[in-house]
Amino acid sequence: MTITELIQLTDVRSACTSGAARALRLSAGLSLGEVAREIGVAVPTVFRWERNERRPRGEAGIRYGLLLAALAERQRPRRPRETPMD
């Protein structure tokens, strides 16, 4: 496992512990089933991660972290483009 993947796992575990993972999923309007299908795990797996009963690990944990990062990016407010002044 690379250092980047270890950092990704640390980040996703922190998001689960803090409740941010569940909050991101809910604010995106995604069900547990949709997330589970997207990352290739069973629904109870995501449920346990979000309840902090289990910790995401391995490739599935990394895929979950990437999904959460994409959801967070989608929710981030966009700055208006700057236009040159005449």
PDB file of N, CA and C in Angstrom:
ATOM      1  N   MET A   1       0.854  -1.178   0.000  1.00  0.00           N
ATOM      2  CA  MET A   1       0.000   0.000   0.000  1.00  0.00           C
ATOM      3  C   MET A   1       0.899   1.240   0.000  1.00  0.00           C
ATOM      4  N   THR A   2       0.530   2.205  -0.820  1.00  0.00           N
ATOM      5  CA  THR A   2       1.340   3.413  -0.936  1.00  0.00           C
ATOM      6  C   THR A   2       1.031   4.390   0.201  1.00  0.00           C
ATOM      7  N   ILE A   3       1.895   5.362   0.365  1.00  0.00           N
ATOM      8  CA  ILE A   3       1.681   6.380   1.391  1.00  0.00           C
ATOM      9  C   ILE A   3       0.412   7.177   1.094  1.00  0.00           C
ATOM     10  N   THR A   4       0.134   7.424  -0.177  1.00  0.00           N
ATOM     11  CA  THR A   4      -1.083   8.144  -0.568  1.00  0.00           C
ATOM     12  C   THR A   4      -2.323   7.352  -0.156  1.00  0.00           C
ATOM     13  N   GLU A   5      -2.299   6.059  -0.363  1.00  0.00           N
ATOM     14  CA  GLU A   5      -3.436   5.220   0.025  1.00  0.00           C
ATOM     15  C   GLU A   5      -3.612   5.177   1.540  1.00  0.00           C
ATOM     16  N   LEU A   6      -2.513   5.148   2.260  1.00  0.00           N
ATOM     17  CA  LEU A   6      -2.603   5.184   3.725  1.00  0.00           C
ATOM     18  C   LEU A   6      -3.219   6.492   4.211  1.00  0.00           C
ATOM     19  N   ILE A   7      -2.851   7.583   3.569  1.00  0.00           N
ATOM     20  CA  ILE A   7      -3.426   8.886   3.916  1.00  0.00           C
ATOM     21  C   ILE A   7      -4.915   8.901   3.596  1.00  0.00           C
ATOM     22  N   GLN A   8      -5.287   8.335   2.446  1.00  0.00           N
ATOM     23  CA  GLN A   8      -6.703   8.267   2.070  1.00  0.00           C
ATOM     24  C   GLN A   8      -7.497   7.456   3.095  1.00  0.00           C
ATOM     25  N   LEU A   9      -6.931   6.348   3.558  1.00  0.00           N
ATOM     26  CA  LEU A   9      -7.615   5.537   4.559  1.00  0.00           C
ATOM     27  C   LEU A   9      -7.747   6.286   5.882  1.00  0.00           C
ATOM     28  N   THR A  10      -6.722   7.007   6.256  1.00  0.00           N
ATOM     29  CA  THR A  10      -6.782   7.812   7.482  1.00  0.00           C
ATOM     30  C   THR A  10      -7.884   8.849   7.370  1.00  0.00           C
ATOM     31  N   ASP A  11      -7.976   9.497   6.216  1.00  0.00           N
ATOM     32  CA  ASP A  11      -8.999  10.527   6.002  1.00  0.00           C
ATOM     33  C   ASP A  11     -10.411   9.931   6.051  1.00  0.00           C
ATOM     34  N   VAL A  12     -10.619   8.795   5.398  1.00  0.00           N
ATOM     35  CA  VAL A  12     -11.958   8.205   5.377  1.00  0.00           C
ATOM     36  C   VAL A  12     -12.337   7.686   6.764  1.00  0.00           C
ATOM     37  N   ARG A  13     -11.375   7.180   7.491  1.00  0.00           N
ATOM     38  CA  ARG A  13     -11.670   6.728   8.857  1.00  0.00           C
ATOM     39  C   ARG A  13     -12.047   7.908   9.748  1.00  0.00           C
ATOM     40  N   SER A  14     -11.372   9.019   9.577  1.00  0.00           N
ATOM     41  CA  SER A  14     -11.723  10.224  10.341  1.00  0.00           C
ATOM     42  C   SER A  14     -13.124  10.706   9.988  1.00  0.00           C
ATOM     43  N   ALA A  15     -13.465  10.643   8.702  1.00  0.00           N
ATOM     44  CA  ALA A  15     -14.800  11.066   8.267  1.00  0.00           C
ATOM     45  C   ALA A  15     -15.878  10.171   8.871  1.00  0.00           C
ATOM     46  N   CYS A  16     -15.599   8.893   8.988  1.00  0.00           N
ATOM     47  CA  CYS A  16     -16.568   7.974   9.601  1.00  0.00           C
ATOM     48  C   CYS A  16     -16.706   8.262  11.091  1.00  0.00           C
ATOM     49  N   THR A  17     -15.595   8.436  11.768  1.00  0.00           N
ATOM     50  CA  THR A  17     -15.602   8.680  13.209  1.00  0.00           C
ATOM     51  C   THR A  17     -16.333   9.974  13.558  1.00  0.00           C
ATOM     52  N   SER A  18     -16.128  11.004  12.750  1.00  0.00           N
ATOM     53  CA  SER A  18     -16.727  12.311  13.033  1.00  0.00           C
ATOM     54  C   SER A  18     -18.188  12.417  12.597  1.00  0.00           C
ATOM     55  N   GLY A  19     -18.647  11.476  11.774  1.00  0.00           N
ATOM     56  CA  GLY A  19     -20.007  11.552  11.247  1.00  0.00           C
ATOM     57  C   GLY A  19     -20.086  12.275   9.916  1.00  0.00           C
ATOM     58  N   ALA A  20     -18.948  12.784   9.456  1.00  0.00           N
ATOM     59  CA  ALA A  20     -18.936  13.518   8.184  1.00  0.00           C
ATOM     60  C   ALA A  20     -19.276  12.617   7.004  1.00  0.00           C
ATOM     61  N   ALA A  21     -18.876  11.351   7.057  1.00  0.00           N
ATOM     62  CA  ALA A  21     -19.157  10.429   5.945  1.00  0.00           C
ATOM     63  C   ALA A  21     -20.661  10.271   5.748  1.00  0.00           C
ATOM     64  N   ARG A  22     -21.366  10.024   6.832  1.00  0.00           N
ATOM     65  CA  ARG A  22     -22.821   9.870   6.749  1.00  0.00           C
ATOM     66  C   ARG A  22     -23.476  11.173   6.308  1.00  0.00           C
ATOM     67  N   ALA A  23     -23.012  12.291   6.855  1.00  0.00           N
ATOM     68  CA  ALA A  23     -23.574  13.591   6.497  1.00  0.00           C
ATOM     69  C   ALA A  23     -23.390  13.881   5.012  1.00  0.00           C
ATOM     70  N   LEU A  24     -22.232  13.561   4.468  1.00  0.00           N
ATOM     71  CA  LEU A  24     -21.993  13.767   3.034  1.00  0.00           C
ATOM     72  C   LEU A  24     -22.927  12.912   2.199  1.00  0.00           C
ATOM     73  N   ARG A  25     -23.073  11.661   2.596  1.00  0.00           N
ATOM     74  CA  ARG A  25     -23.957  10.751   1.847  1.00  0.00           C
ATOM     75  C   ARG A  25     -25.386  11.259   1.857  1.00  0.00           C
ATOM     76  N   LEU A  26     -25.860  11.643   3.039  1.00  0.00           N
ATOM     77  CA  LEU A  26     -27.241  12.122   3.155  1.00  0.00           C
ATOM     78  C   LEU A  26     -27.461  13.426   2.395  1.00  0.00           C
ATOM     79  N   SER A  27     -26.519  14.342   2.481  1.00  0.00           N
ATOM     80  CA  SER A  27     -26.699  15.623   1.784  1.00  0.00           C
ATOM     81  C   SER A  27     -26.644  15.452   0.268  1.00  0.00           C
ATOM     82  N   ALA A  28     -25.994  14.386  -0.185  1.00  0.00           N
ATOM     83  CA  ALA A  28     -25.959  14.094  -1.625  1.00  0.00           C
ATOM     84  C   ALA A  28     -27.203  13.325  -2.060  1.00  0.00           C
ATOM     85  N   GLY A  29     -28.019  12.917  -1.078  1.00  0.00           N
ATOM     86  CA  GLY A  29     -29.242  12.188  -1.403  1.00  0.00           C
ATOM     87  C   GLY A  29     -28.999  10.739  -1.795  1.00  0.00           C
ATOM     88  N   LEU A  30     -27.913  10.162  -1.324  1.00  0.00           N
ATOM     89  CA  LEU A  30     -27.586   8.781  -1.680  1.00  0.00           C
ATOM     90  C   LEU A  30     -27.997   7.831  -0.562  1.00  0.00           C
ATOM     91  N   SER A  31     -28.500   6.677  -0.946  1.00  0.00           N
ATOM     92  CA  SER A  31     -28.850   5.645   0.030  1.00  0.00           C
ATOM     93  C   SER A  31     -27.610   4.815   0.349  1.00  0.00           C
ATOM     94  N   LEU A  32     -27.712   4.035   1.413  1.00  0.00           N
ATOM     95  CA  LEU A  32     -26.630   3.106   1.737  1.00  0.00           C
ATOM     96  C   LEU A  32     -26.394   2.143   0.573  1.00  0.00           C
ATOM     97  N   GLY A  33     -27.476   1.676  -0.035  1.00  0.00           N
ATOM     98  CA  GLY A  33     -27.370   0.746  -1.154  1.00  0.00           C
ATOM     99  C   GLY A  33     -26.651   1.343  -2.347  1.00  0.00           C
ATOM    100  N   GLU A  34     -26.938   2.599  -2.642  1.00  0.00           N
ATOM    101  CA  GLU A  34     -26.276   3.247  -3.778  1.00  0.00           C
ATOM    102  C   GLU A  34     -24.777   3.368  -3.536  1.00  0.00           C
ATOM    103  N   VAL A  35     -24.411   3.752  -2.337  1.00  0.00           N
ATOM    104  CA  VAL A  35     -22.983   3.870  -2.006  1.00  0.00           C
ATOM    105  C   VAL A  35     -22.327   2.495  -2.043  1.00  0.00           C
ATOM    106  N   ALA A  36     -22.975   1.509  -1.445  1.00  0.00           N
ATOM    107  CA  ALA A  36     -22.421   0.152  -1.421  1.00  0.00           C
ATOM    108  C   ALA A  36     -22.190  -0.373  -2.837  1.00  0.00           C
ATOM    109  N   ARG A  37     -23.170  -0.198  -3.719  1.00  0.00           N
ATOM    110  CA  ARG A  37     -23.017  -0.654  -5.108  1.00  0.00           C
ATOM    111  C   ARG A  37     -21.870   0.072  -5.801  1.00  0.00           C
ATOM    112  N   GLU A  38     -21.778   1.362  -5.576  1.00  0.00           N
ATOM    113  CA  GLU A  38     -20.744   2.170  -6.234  1.00  0.00           C
ATOM    114  C   GLU A  38     -19.332   1.719  -5.855  1.00  0.00           C
ATOM    115  N   ILE A  39     -19.141   1.336  -4.591  1.00  0.00           N
ATOM    116  CA  ILE A  39     -17.787   0.969  -4.159  1.00  0.00           C
ATOM    117  C   ILE A  39     -17.569  -0.540  -4.084  1.00  0.00           C
ATOM    118  N   GLY A  40     -18.625  -1.310  -4.356  1.00  0.00           N
ATOM    119  CA  GLY A  40     -18.479  -2.763  -4.444  1.00  0.00           C
ATOM    120  C   GLY A  40     -18.428  -3.504  -3.116  1.00  0.00           C
ATOM    121  N   VAL A  41     -19.243  -3.042  -2.164  1.00  0.00           N
ATOM    122  CA  VAL A  41     -19.339  -3.734  -0.868  1.00  0.00           C
ATOM    123  C   VAL A  41     -20.801  -3.980  -0.541  1.00  0.00           C
ATOM    124  N   ALA A  42     -21.053  -4.719   0.524  1.00  0.00           N
ATOM    125  CA  ALA A  42     -22.424  -4.973   0.974  1.00  0.00           C
ATOM    126  C   ALA A  42     -22.948  -3.774   1.759  1.00  0.00           C
ATOM    127  N   VAL A  43     -24.254  -3.600   1.738  1.00  0.00           N
ATOM    128  CA  VAL A  43     -24.892  -2.494   2.455  1.00  0.00           C
ATOM    129  C   VAL A  43     -24.509  -2.481   3.940  1.00  0.00           C
ATOM    130  N   PRO A  44     -24.534  -3.637   4.636  1.00  0.00           N
ATOM    131  CA  PRO A  44     -24.163  -3.598   6.053  1.00  0.00           C
ATOM    132  C   PRO A  44     -22.740  -3.088   6.300  1.00  0.00           C
ATOM    133  N   THR A  45     -21.869  -3.259   5.326  1.00  0.00           N
ATOM    134  CA  THR A  45     -20.494  -2.770   5.476  1.00  0.00           C
ATOM    135  C   THR A  45     -20.485  -1.258   5.605  1.00  0.00           C
ATOM    136  N   VAL A  46     -21.158  -0.578   4.693  1.00  0.00           N
ATOM    137  CA  VAL A  46     -21.214   0.886   4.750  1.00  0.00           C
ATOM    138  C   VAL A  46     -21.923   1.328   6.030  1.00  0.00           C
ATOM    139  N   PHE A  47     -22.992   0.646   6.385  1.00  0.00           N
ATOM    140  CA  PHE A  47     -23.736   0.957   7.608  1.00  0.00           C
ATOM    141  C   PHE A  47     -22.811   0.891   8.825  1.00  0.00           C
ATOM    142  N   ARG A  48     -22.028  -0.164   8.913  1.00  0.00           N
ATOM    143  CA  ARG A  48     -21.113  -0.320  10.058  1.00  0.00           C
ATOM    144  C   ARG A  48     -20.007   0.718  10.051  1.00  0.00           C
ATOM    145  N   TRP A  49     -19.522   1.079   8.851  1.00  0.00           N
ATOM    146  CA  TRP A  49     -18.512   2.136   8.775  1.00  0.00           C
ATOM    147  C   TRP A  49     -19.086   3.442   9.302  1.00  0.00           C
ATOM    148  N   GLU A  50     -20.274   3.774   8.843  1.00  0.00           N
ATOM    149  CA  GLU A  50     -20.876   5.051   9.237  1.00  0.00           C
ATOM    150  C   GLU A  50     -21.238   5.085  10.719  1.00  0.00           C
ATOM    151  N   ARG A  51     -21.509   3.947  11.315  1.00  0.00           N
ATOM    152  CA  ARG A  51     -21.822   3.883  12.748  1.00  0.00           C
ATOM    153  C   ARG A  51     -20.565   3.694  13.590  1.00  0.00           C
ATOM    154  N   ASN A  52     -19.421   3.697  12.924  1.00  0.00           N
ATOM    155  CA  ASN A  52     -18.129   3.548  13.583  1.00  0.00           C
ATOM    156  C   ASN A  52     -18.012   2.206  14.324  1.00  0.00           C
ATOM    157  N   GLU A  53     -18.685   1.184  13.792  1.00  0.00           N
ATOM    158  CA  GLU A  53     -18.579  -0.157  14.348  1.00  0.00           C
ATOM    159  C   GLU A  53     -17.425  -0.921  13.708  1.00  0.00           C
ATOM    160  N   ARG A  54     -17.080  -0.542  12.505  1.00  0.00           N
ATOM    161  CA  ARG A  54     -15.954  -1.108  11.761  1.00  0.00           C
ATOM    162  C   ARG A  54     -15.208   0.032  11.091  1.00  0.00           C
ATOM    163  N   ARG A  55     -13.959  -0.227  10.755  1.00  0.00           N
ATOM    164  CA  ARG A  55     -13.146   0.787  10.075  1.00  0.00           C
ATOM    165  C   ARG A  55     -12.952   0.402   8.615  1.00  0.00           C
ATOM    166  N   PRO A  56     -13.123   1.358   7.708  1.00  0.00           N
ATOM    167  CA  PRO A  56     -12.840   1.060   6.300  1.00  0.00           C
ATOM    168  C   PRO A  56     -11.378   0.651   6.149  1.00  0.00           C
ATOM    169  N   ARG A  57     -11.148  -0.347   5.300  1.00  0.00           N
ATOM    170  CA  ARG A  57      -9.775  -0.774   5.067  1.00  0.00           C
ATOM    171  C   ARG A  57      -9.627  -1.303   3.654  1.00  0.00           C
ATOM    172  N   GLY A  58      -8.409  -1.433   3.223  1.00  0.00           N
ATOM    173  CA  GLY A  58      -8.097  -1.990   1.911  1.00  0.00           C
ATOM    174  C   GLY A  58      -8.658  -1.172   0.760  1.00  0.00           C
ATOM    175  N   GLU A  59      -8.780  -1.848  -0.356  1.00  0.00           N
ATOM    176  CA  GLU A  59      -9.252  -1.190  -1.581  1.00  0.00           C
ATOM    177  C   GLU A  59     -10.659  -0.620  -1.431  1.00  0.00           C
ATOM    178  N   ALA A  60     -11.531  -1.335  -0.725  1.00  0.00           N
ATOM    179  CA  ALA A  60     -12.899  -0.842  -0.526  1.00  0.00           C
ATOM    180  C   ALA A  60     -12.886   0.457   0.270  1.00  0.00           C
ATOM    181  N   GLY A  61     -12.043   0.536   1.277  1.00  0.00           N
ATOM    182  CA  GLY A  61     -11.930   1.763   2.059  1.00  0.00           C
ATOM    183  C   GLY A  61     -11.423   2.924   1.223  1.00  0.00           C
ATOM    184  N   ILE A  62     -10.475   2.645   0.360  1.00  0.00           N
ATOM    185  CA  ILE A  62      -9.949   3.687  -0.527  1.00  0.00           C
ATOM    186  C   ILE A  62     -11.026   4.146  -1.499  1.00  0.00           C
ATOM    187  N   ARG A  63     -11.787   3.200  -2.081  1.00  0.00           N
ATOM    188  CA  ARG A  63     -12.874   3.589  -2.998  1.00  0.00           C
ATOM    189  C   ARG A  63     -13.918   4.439  -2.271  1.00  0.00           C
ATOM    190  N   TYR A  64     -14.218   4.073  -1.034  1.00  0.00           N
ATOM    191  CA  TYR A  64     -15.171   4.849  -0.237  1.00  0.00           C
ATOM    192  C   TYR A  64     -14.633   6.260   0.008  1.00  0.00           C
ATOM    193  N   GLY A  65     -13.370   6.354   0.332  1.00  0.00           N
ATOM    194  CA  GLY A  65     -12.756   7.661   0.536  1.00  0.00           C
ATOM    195  C   GLY A  65     -12.790   8.519  -0.714  1.00  0.00           C
ATOM    196  N   LEU A  66     -12.541   7.913  -1.862  1.00  0.00           N
ATOM    197  CA  LEU A  66     -12.586   8.660  -3.120  1.00  0.00           C
ATOM    198  C   LEU A  66     -14.005   9.144  -3.420  1.00  0.00           C
ATOM    199  N   LEU A  67     -14.981   8.295  -3.131  1.00  0.00           N
ATOM    200  CA  LEU A  67     -16.374   8.688  -3.323  1.00  0.00           C
ATOM    201  C   LEU A  67     -16.730   9.863  -2.405  1.00  0.00           C
ATOM    202  N   LEU A  68     -16.335   9.774  -1.143  1.00  0.00           N
ATOM    203  CA  LEU A  68     -16.624  10.865  -0.202  1.00  0.00           C
ATOM    204  C   LEU A  68     -15.938  12.160  -0.631  1.00  0.00           C
ATOM    205  N   ALA A  69     -14.713  12.052  -1.121  1.00  0.00           N
ATOM    206  CA  ALA A  69     -13.996  13.240  -1.591  1.00  0.00           C
ATOM    207  C   ALA A  69     -14.727  13.877  -2.772  1.00  0.00           C
ATOM    208  N   ALA A  70     -15.249  13.050  -3.674  1.00  0.00           N
ATOM    209  CA  ALA A  70     -15.998  13.572  -4.818  1.00  0.00           C
ATOM    210  C   ALA A  70     -17.291  14.247  -4.358  1.00  0.00           C
ATOM    211  N   LEU A  71     -17.970  13.652  -3.363  1.00  0.00           N
ATOM    212  CA  LEU A  71     -19.194  14.267  -2.837  1.00  0.00           C
ATOM    213  C   LEU A  71     -18.888  15.600  -2.165  1.00  0.00           C
ATOM    214  N   ALA A  72     -17.802  15.645  -1.421  1.00  0.00           N
ATOM    215  CA  ALA A  72     -17.410  16.894  -0.750  1.00  0.00           C
ATOM    216  C   ALA A  72     -17.075  17.974  -1.772  1.00  0.00           C
ATOM    217  N   GLU A  73     -16.387  17.587  -2.824  1.00  0.00           N
ATOM    218  CA  GLU A  73     -16.018  18.549  -3.874  1.00  0.00           C
ATOM    219  C   GLU A  73     -17.261  19.089  -4.572  1.00  0.00           C
ATOM    220  N   ARG A  74     -18.233  18.225  -4.797  1.00  0.00           N
ATOM    221  CA  ARG A  74     -19.468  18.646  -5.461  1.00  0.00           C
ATOM    222  C   ARG A  74     -20.247  19.643  -4.609  1.00  0.00           C
ATOM    223  N   GLN A  75     -20.124  19.530  -3.305  1.00  0.00           N
ATOM    224  CA  GLN A  75     -20.868  20.407  -2.398  1.00  0.00           C
ATOM    225  C   GLN A  75     -20.130  21.704  -2.086  1.00  0.00           C
ATOM    226  N   ARG A  76     -18.857  21.754  -2.432  1.00  0.00           N
ATOM    227  CA  ARG A  76     -18.069  22.948  -2.155  1.00  0.00           C
ATOM    228  C   ARG A  76     -18.579  24.109  -3.012  1.00  0.00           C
ATOM    229  N   PRO A  77     -18.813  25.281  -2.386  1.00  0.00           N
ATOM    230  CA  PRO A  77     -19.299  26.415  -3.173  1.00  0.00           C
ATOM    231  C   PRO A  77     -18.264  26.842  -4.215  1.00  0.00           C
ATOM    232  N   ARG A  78     -18.756  27.169  -5.357  1.00  0.00           N
ATOM    233  CA  ARG A  78     -17.880  27.615  -6.450  1.00  0.00           C
ATOM    234  C   ARG A  78     -17.715  29.133  -6.397  1.00  0.00           C
ATOM    235  N   ARG A  79     -16.502  29.564  -6.637  1.00  0.00           N
ATOM    236  CA  ARG A  79     -16.260  31.002  -6.728  1.00  0.00           C
ATOM    237  C   ARG A  79     -16.592  31.452  -8.148  1.00  0.00           C
ATOM    238  N   PRO A  80     -17.185  32.620  -8.268  1.00  0.00           N
ATOM    239  CA  PRO A  80     -17.457  33.108  -9.622  1.00  0.00           C
ATOM    240  C   PRO A  80     -16.149  33.361 -10.365  1.00  0.00           C
ATOM    241  N   ARG A  81     -16.196  33.130 -11.650  1.00  0.00           N
ATOM    242  CA  ARG A  81     -15.006  33.371 -12.460  1.00  0.00           C
ATOM    243  C   ARG A  81     -14.709  34.859 -12.514  1.00  0.00           C
ATOM    244  N   GLU A  82     -13.439  35.141 -12.464  1.00  0.00           N
ATOM    245  CA  GLU A  82     -13.032  36.550 -12.555  1.00  0.00           C
ATOM    246  C   GLU A  82     -12.989  36.935 -14.023  1.00  0.00           C
ATOM    247  N   THR A  83     -13.445  38.129 -14.282  1.00  0.00           N
ATOM    248  CA  THR A  83     -13.382  38.636 -15.651  1.00  0.00           C
ATOM    249  C   THR A  83     -12.432  39.821 -15.663  1.00  0.00           C
ATOM    250  N   PRO A  84     -11.696  39.959 -16.740  1.00  0.00           N
ATOM    251  CA  PRO A  84     -10.751  41.090 -16.815  1.00  0.00           C
ATOM    252  C   PRO A  84     -11.523  42.409 -16.808  1.00  0.00           C
ATOM    253  N   MET A  85     -10.954  43.372 -16.139  1.00  0.00           N
ATOM    254  CA  MET A  85     -11.595  44.685 -16.082  1.00  0.00           C
ATOM    255  C   MET A  85     -11.273  45.452 -17.357  1.00  0.00           C
ATOM    256  N   ASP A  86     -12.243  46.149 -17.870  1.00  0.00           N
ATOM    257  CA  ASP A  86     -12.044  46.948 -19.092  1.00  0.00           C
ATOM    258  C   ASP A  86     -11.378  48.254 -18.780  1.00  0.00           C
TER     259      ASP A  86
END
